Amino acid sequence: MRKIIYQLHLFLGLIVSVPVLAWALSGFLYAMPNIVEGGTVARIDPGQVRVTPPEAMARANELAERALPITALTLLMKDGRPQYQAIGGLGADSIFIDAETGLASFSKPPNWKTRFFREAHFYYFSGSWQVVLLLGFSALAALSALSGIYLNFVYWRRRLSGAAPKRGAIG
């Protein structure tokens, strides 16, 4: 029985490791947009910010011609100007609102590197299969972890009880 679980654990580890590695690498690079998008981080001058967050959200709603379910409003420097970025209800897109003038515009499509890492990290490439893939890989990872815990439990129980492993046996 242990041999079957050991082989299952190794097989699941191989299957699960590829998407987990891709997810981890894409998340690592996605978390550093300056490396992927080639921008710079700049300090915001508070004197340049003339539009309040509620005004920025209203400008985003005006541009979209509807009340958006905005889940995040971030103030950042973009192209040397303070900008609000309204996110939510638009999928991977967002609206930028100039914090000096209040001019709102839809975000431009991301470059190929940013799009690649978004697609890889959030499984956007899989379309309607996104949830199925995420749940499937999560279940396989959980099964791999459980089989590893079981194998460790059996190994340490035998080790602590003083039972010598059989020659040629696994565990």
C-alpha atoms as a PDB file:
ATOM      1  CA  MET A   1       0.000   0.000   0.000  1.00  0.00           C
ATOM      2  CA  ARG A   2       2.809   2.410   0.878  1.00  0.00           C
ATOM      3  CA  LYS A   3       4.522   1.715  -2.413  1.00  0.00           C
ATOM      4  CA  ILE A   4       1.366   2.654  -4.333  1.00  0.00           C
ATOM      5  CA  ILE A   5       0.942   5.848  -2.294  1.00  0.00           C
ATOM      6  CA  TYR A   6       4.639   6.666  -2.744  1.00  0.00           C
ATOM      7  CA  GLN A   7       4.361   6.252  -6.537  1.00  0.00           C
ATOM      8  CA  LEU A   8       1.105   8.248  -6.564  1.00  0.00           C
ATOM      9  CA  HIS A   9       2.811  10.987  -4.558  1.00  0.00           C
ATOM     10  CA  LEU A  10       5.723  11.152  -7.024  1.00  0.00           C
ATOM     11  CA  PHE A  11       3.380  11.155 -10.030  1.00  0.00           C
ATOM     12  CA  LEU A  12       1.158  13.890  -8.542  1.00  0.00           C
ATOM     13  CA  GLY A  13       4.244  15.908  -7.655  1.00  0.00           C
ATOM     14  CA  LEU A  14       5.326  15.889 -11.290  1.00  0.00           C
ATOM     15  CA  ILE A  15       1.867  16.842 -12.561  1.00  0.00           C
ATOM     16  CA  VAL A  16       1.316  19.584  -9.997  1.00  0.00           C
ATOM     17  CA  SER A  17       4.829  21.037 -10.079  1.00  0.00           C
ATOM     18  CA  VAL A  18       4.581  22.418 -13.637  1.00  0.00           C
ATOM     19  CA  PRO A  19       1.534  24.694 -13.128  1.00  0.00           C
ATOM     20  CA  VAL A  20       2.668  25.635  -9.605  1.00  0.00           C
ATOM     21  CA  LEU A  21       6.100  26.611 -10.949  1.00  0.00           C
ATOM     22  CA  ALA A  22       4.512  28.656 -13.775  1.00  0.00           C
ATOM     23  CA  TRP A  23       2.146  30.321 -11.296  1.00  0.00           C
ATOM     24  CA  ALA A  24       4.978  31.156  -8.885  1.00  0.00           C
ATOM     25  CA  LEU A  25       7.296  32.532 -11.591  1.00  0.00           C
ATOM     26  CA  SER A  26       4.559  34.600 -13.226  1.00  0.00           C
ATOM     27  CA  GLY A  27       3.485  35.937  -9.825  1.00  0.00           C
ATOM     28  CA  PHE A  28       7.065  36.848  -8.998  1.00  0.00           C
ATOM     29  CA  LEU A  29       7.500  38.810 -12.217  1.00  0.00           C
ATOM     30  CA  TYR A  30       3.945  40.160 -12.168  1.00  0.00           C
ATOM     31  CA  ALA A  31       4.653  41.615  -8.719  1.00  0.00           C
ATOM     32  CA  MET A  32       7.503  43.655 -10.211  1.00  0.00           C
ATOM     33  CA  PRO A  33       5.833  45.643 -13.015  1.00  0.00           C
ATOM     34  CA  ASN A  34       8.906  47.810 -13.574  1.00  0.00           C
ATOM     35  CA  ILE A  35      10.857  44.783 -14.774  1.00  0.00           C
ATOM     36  CA  VAL A  36       8.053  43.565 -17.033  1.00  0.00           C
ATOM     37  CA  GLU A  37       6.747  46.932 -18.262  1.00  0.00           C
ATOM     38  CA  GLY A  38      10.006  48.887 -18.158  1.00  0.00           C
ATOM     39  CA  GLY A  39       8.683  51.812 -16.105  1.00  0.00           C
ATOM     40  CA  THR A  40      10.117  53.649 -13.147  1.00  0.00           C
ATOM     41  CA  VAL A  41       8.820  54.315  -9.648  1.00  0.00           C
ATOM     42  CA  ALA A  42       8.448  58.046  -8.881  1.00  0.00           C
ATOM     43  CA  ARG A  43       7.444  59.941  -5.772  1.00  0.00           C
ATOM     44  CA  ILE A  44       4.032  61.666  -5.893  1.00  0.00           C
ATOM     45  CA  ASP A  45       4.051  65.425  -5.312  1.00  0.00           C
ATOM     46  CA  PRO A  46       0.934  66.135  -3.177  1.00  0.00           C
ATOM     47  CA  GLY A  47       0.757  69.647  -4.624  1.00  0.00           C
ATOM     48  CA  GLN A  48      -0.019  68.193  -8.056  1.00  0.00           C
ATOM     49  CA  VAL A  49      -3.057  66.225  -6.802  1.00  0.00           C
ATOM     50  CA  ARG A  50      -6.115  68.434  -7.301  1.00  0.00           C
ATOM     51  CA  VAL A  51      -8.794  65.783  -7.884  1.00  0.00           C
ATOM     52  CA  THR A  52     -10.189  63.974  -4.824  1.00  0.00           C
ATOM     53  CA  PRO A  53     -10.813  60.206  -4.836  1.00  0.00           C
ATOM     54  CA  PRO A  54     -14.646  60.640  -4.958  1.00  0.00           C
ATOM     55  CA  GLU A  55     -14.250  63.010  -7.928  1.00  0.00           C
ATOM     56  CA  ALA A  56     -11.965  60.508  -9.650  1.00  0.00           C
ATOM     57  CA  MET A  57     -14.524  57.725  -9.183  1.00  0.00           C
ATOM     58  CA  ALA A  58     -17.253  59.990 -10.578  1.00  0.00           C
ATOM     59  CA  ARG A  59     -15.075  60.736 -13.646  1.00  0.00           C
ATOM     60  CA  ALA A  60     -14.548  57.005 -14.198  1.00  0.00           C
ATOM     61  CA  ASN A  61     -18.311  56.425 -14.041  1.00  0.00           C
ATOM     62  CA  GLU A  62     -18.881  59.277 -16.527  1.00  0.00           C
ATOM     63  CA  LEU A  63     -16.378  57.787 -18.959  1.00  0.00           C
ATOM     64  CA  ALA A  64     -17.970  54.330 -18.692  1.00  0.00           C
ATOM     65  CA  GLU A  65     -21.464  55.857 -18.891  1.00  0.00           C
ATOM     66  CA  ARG A  66     -22.586  53.735 -15.947  1.00  0.00           C
ATOM     67  CA  ALA A  67     -21.921  53.229 -12.253  1.00  0.00           C
ATOM     68  CA  LEU A  68     -18.891  50.948 -12.056  1.00  0.00           C
ATOM     69  CA  PRO A  69     -18.301  48.466  -9.229  1.00  0.00           C
ATOM     70  CA  ILE A  70     -14.878  49.982  -8.485  1.00  0.00           C
ATOM     71  CA  THR A  71     -12.976  47.732  -6.075  1.00  0.00           C
ATOM     72  CA  ALA A  72      -9.688  49.669  -5.969  1.00  0.00           C
ATOM     73  CA  LEU A  73      -8.610  53.243  -6.573  1.00  0.00           C
ATOM     74  CA  THR A  74      -4.847  53.707  -6.612  1.00  0.00           C
ATOM     75  CA  LEU A  75      -2.872  56.941  -6.866  1.00  0.00           C
ATOM     76  CA  LEU A  76       0.354  56.500  -8.831  1.00  0.00           C
ATOM     77  CA  MET A  77       2.773  58.358 -11.050  1.00  0.00           C
ATOM     78  CA  LYS A  78       2.349  57.507 -14.725  1.00  0.00           C
ATOM     79  CA  ASP A  79       4.246  59.278 -17.484  1.00  0.00           C
ATOM     80  CA  GLY A  80       5.401  61.908 -14.984  1.00  0.00           C
ATOM     81  CA  ARG A  81       1.870  62.829 -13.874  1.00  0.00           C
ATOM     82  CA  PRO A  82      -0.162  61.758 -10.826  1.00  0.00           C
ATOM     83  CA  GLN A  83      -2.932  59.433 -11.949  1.00  0.00           C
ATOM     84  CA  TYR A  84      -5.709  57.553 -10.228  1.00  0.00           C
ATOM     85  CA  GLN A  85      -6.250  54.022 -11.484  1.00  0.00           C
ATOM     86  CA  ALA A  86      -9.803  52.758 -11.005  1.00  0.00           C
ATOM     87  CA  ILE A  87     -10.074  48.961 -11.083  1.00  0.00           C
ATOM     88  CA  GLY A  88     -13.104  46.710 -10.859  1.00  0.00           C
ATOM     89  CA  GLY A  89     -15.985  45.646 -13.016  1.00  0.00           C
ATOM     90  CA  LEU A  90     -13.835  45.880 -16.129  1.00  0.00           C
ATOM     91  CA  GLY A  91     -12.026  42.554 -16.016  1.00  0.00           C
ATOM     92  CA  ALA A  92      -8.307  43.098 -16.574  1.00  0.00           C
ATOM     93  CA  ASP A  93      -8.864  46.663 -17.839  1.00  0.00           C
ATOM     94  CA  SER A  94      -8.928  49.843 -15.801  1.00  0.00           C
ATOM     95  CA  ILE A  95      -9.566  53.572 -16.106  1.00  0.00           C
ATOM     96  CA  PHE A  96      -6.915  56.210 -15.482  1.00  0.00           C
ATOM     97  CA  ILE A  97      -7.972  59.600 -14.139  1.00  0.00           C
ATOM     98  CA  ASP A  98      -5.431  62.432 -14.243  1.00  0.00           C
ATOM     99  CA  ALA A  99      -5.170  63.701 -10.642  1.00  0.00           C
ATOM    100  CA  GLU A 100      -4.434  67.261 -11.825  1.00  0.00           C
ATOM    101  CA  THR A 101      -6.999  67.769 -14.582  1.00  0.00           C
ATOM    102  CA  GLY A 102      -9.583  65.045 -13.923  1.00  0.00           C
ATOM    103  CA  LEU A 103      -9.345  63.810 -17.520  1.00  0.00           C
ATOM    104  CA  ALA A 104     -10.384  60.126 -17.594  1.00  0.00           C
ATOM    105  CA  SER A 105      -9.315  57.550 -20.176  1.00  0.00           C
ATOM    106  CA  PHE A 106      -9.475  53.805 -20.558  1.00  0.00           C
ATOM    107  CA  SER A 107      -6.194  52.013 -19.987  1.00  0.00           C
ATOM    108  CA  LYS A 108      -4.236  51.117 -23.079  1.00  0.00           C
ATOM    109  CA  PRO A 109      -3.787  47.433 -23.825  1.00  0.00           C
ATOM    110  CA  PRO A 110      -0.803  46.028 -21.893  1.00  0.00           C
ATOM    111  CA  ASN A 111       2.401  45.173 -23.700  1.00  0.00           C
ATOM    112  CA  TRP A 112       2.992  41.545 -24.668  1.00  0.00           C
ATOM    113  CA  LYS A 113       5.096  40.792 -21.565  1.00  0.00           C
ATOM    114  CA  THR A 114       2.499  42.095 -19.128  1.00  0.00           C
ATOM    115  CA  ARG A 115      -0.279  40.311 -21.013  1.00  0.00           C
ATOM    116  CA  PHE A 116       1.717  37.046 -20.980  1.00  0.00           C
ATOM    117  CA  PHE A 117       2.325  37.167 -17.223  1.00  0.00           C
ATOM    118  CA  ARG A 118      -1.318  38.097 -16.503  1.00  0.00           C
ATOM    119  CA  GLU A 119      -2.534  35.269 -18.701  1.00  0.00           C
ATOM    120  CA  ALA A 120      -0.145  32.792 -17.076  1.00  0.00           C
ATOM    121  CA  HIS A 121      -0.720  33.897 -13.503  1.00  0.00           C
ATOM    122  CA  PHE A 122      -4.505  34.132 -13.539  1.00  0.00           C
ATOM    123  CA  TYR A 123      -5.115  31.376 -16.140  1.00  0.00           C
ATOM    124  CA  TYR A 124      -6.964  33.879 -18.392  1.00  0.00           C
ATOM    125  CA  PHE A 125      -5.748  31.879 -21.401  1.00  0.00           C
ATOM    126  CA  SER A 126      -8.086  29.037 -20.482  1.00  0.00           C
ATOM    127  CA  GLY A 127     -11.300  31.011 -21.000  1.00  0.00           C
ATOM    128  CA  SER A 128     -14.326  29.231 -19.564  1.00  0.00           C
ATOM    129  CA  TRP A 129     -12.058  26.436 -18.255  1.00  0.00           C
ATOM    130  CA  GLN A 130     -10.279  28.839 -15.864  1.00  0.00           C
ATOM    131  CA  VAL A 131     -12.186  27.789 -12.732  1.00  0.00           C
ATOM    132  CA  VAL A 132     -12.096  24.108 -13.657  1.00  0.00           C
ATOM    133  CA  LEU A 133      -8.304  24.205 -14.146  1.00  0.00           C
ATOM    134  CA  LEU A 134      -7.717  26.137 -10.930  1.00  0.00           C
ATOM    135  CA  LEU A 135      -9.908  23.766  -8.916  1.00  0.00           C
ATOM    136  CA  GLY A 136      -8.416  20.693 -10.593  1.00  0.00           C
ATOM    137  CA  PHE A 137      -4.815  21.706  -9.952  1.00  0.00           C
ATOM    138  CA  SER A 138      -5.726  22.713  -6.395  1.00  0.00           C
ATOM    139  CA  ALA A 139      -7.266  19.292  -5.782  1.00  0.00           C
ATOM    140  CA  LEU A 140      -4.215  17.526  -7.228  1.00  0.00           C
ATOM    141  CA  ALA A 141      -1.888  19.674  -5.093  1.00  0.00           C
ATOM    142  CA  ALA A 142      -3.959  18.873  -1.990  1.00  0.00           C
ATOM    143  CA  LEU A 143      -3.854  15.143  -2.807  1.00  0.00           C
ATOM    144  CA  SER A 144      -0.091  15.335  -3.323  1.00  0.00           C
ATOM    145  CA  ALA A 145       0.339  17.129   0.018  1.00  0.00           C
ATOM    146  CA  LEU A 146      -1.901  14.614   1.825  1.00  0.00           C
ATOM    147  CA  SER A 147      -0.023  11.645   0.372  1.00  0.00           C
ATOM    148  CA  GLY A 148       3.266  13.271   1.440  1.00  0.00           C
ATOM    149  CA  ILE A 149       1.939  13.796   4.970  1.00  0.00           C
ATOM    150  CA  TYR A 150       0.812  10.157   5.100  1.00  0.00           C
ATOM    151  CA  LEU A 151       4.215   8.912   3.911  1.00  0.00           C
ATOM    152  CA  ASN A 152       5.992  11.085   6.474  1.00  0.00           C
ATOM    153  CA  PHE A 153       3.666   9.885   9.222  1.00  0.00           C
ATOM    154  CA  VAL A 154       4.339   6.235   8.356  1.00  0.00           C
ATOM    155  CA  TYR A 155       8.085   6.845   8.055  1.00  0.00           C
ATOM    156  CA  TRP A 156       8.413   8.613  11.407  1.00  0.00           C
ATOM    157  CA  ARG A 157       6.099   6.195  13.202  1.00  0.00           C
ATOM    158  CA  ARG A 158       8.261   3.272  12.090  1.00  0.00           C
ATOM    159  CA  ARG A 159      11.443   5.191  12.837  1.00  0.00           C
ATOM    160  CA  LEU A 160      10.369   6.178  16.364  1.00  0.00           C
ATOM    161  CA  SER A 161       9.036   2.728  17.188  1.00  0.00           C
ATOM    162  CA  GLY A 162      12.454   1.270  16.406  1.00  0.00           C
ATOM    163  CA  ALA A 163      11.222  -1.007  13.637  1.00  0.00           C
ATOM    164  CA  ALA A 164      13.947  -1.428  11.054  1.00  0.00           C
ATOM    165  CA  PRO A 165      12.758  -1.033   7.484  1.00  0.00           C
ATOM    166  CA  LYS A 166      12.778  -4.180   5.389  1.00  0.00           C
ATOM    167  CA  ARG A 167      15.673  -4.474   3.037  1.00  0.00           C
ATOM    168  CA  GLY A 168      14.680  -3.166  -0.407  1.00  0.00           C
ATOM    169  CA  ALA A 169      11.400  -1.784   0.891  1.00  0.00           C
ATOM    170  CA  ILE A 170      10.424   1.830   0.404  1.00  0.00           C
ATOM    171  CA  GLY A 171       9.997   3.871   3.593  1.00  0.00           C
END
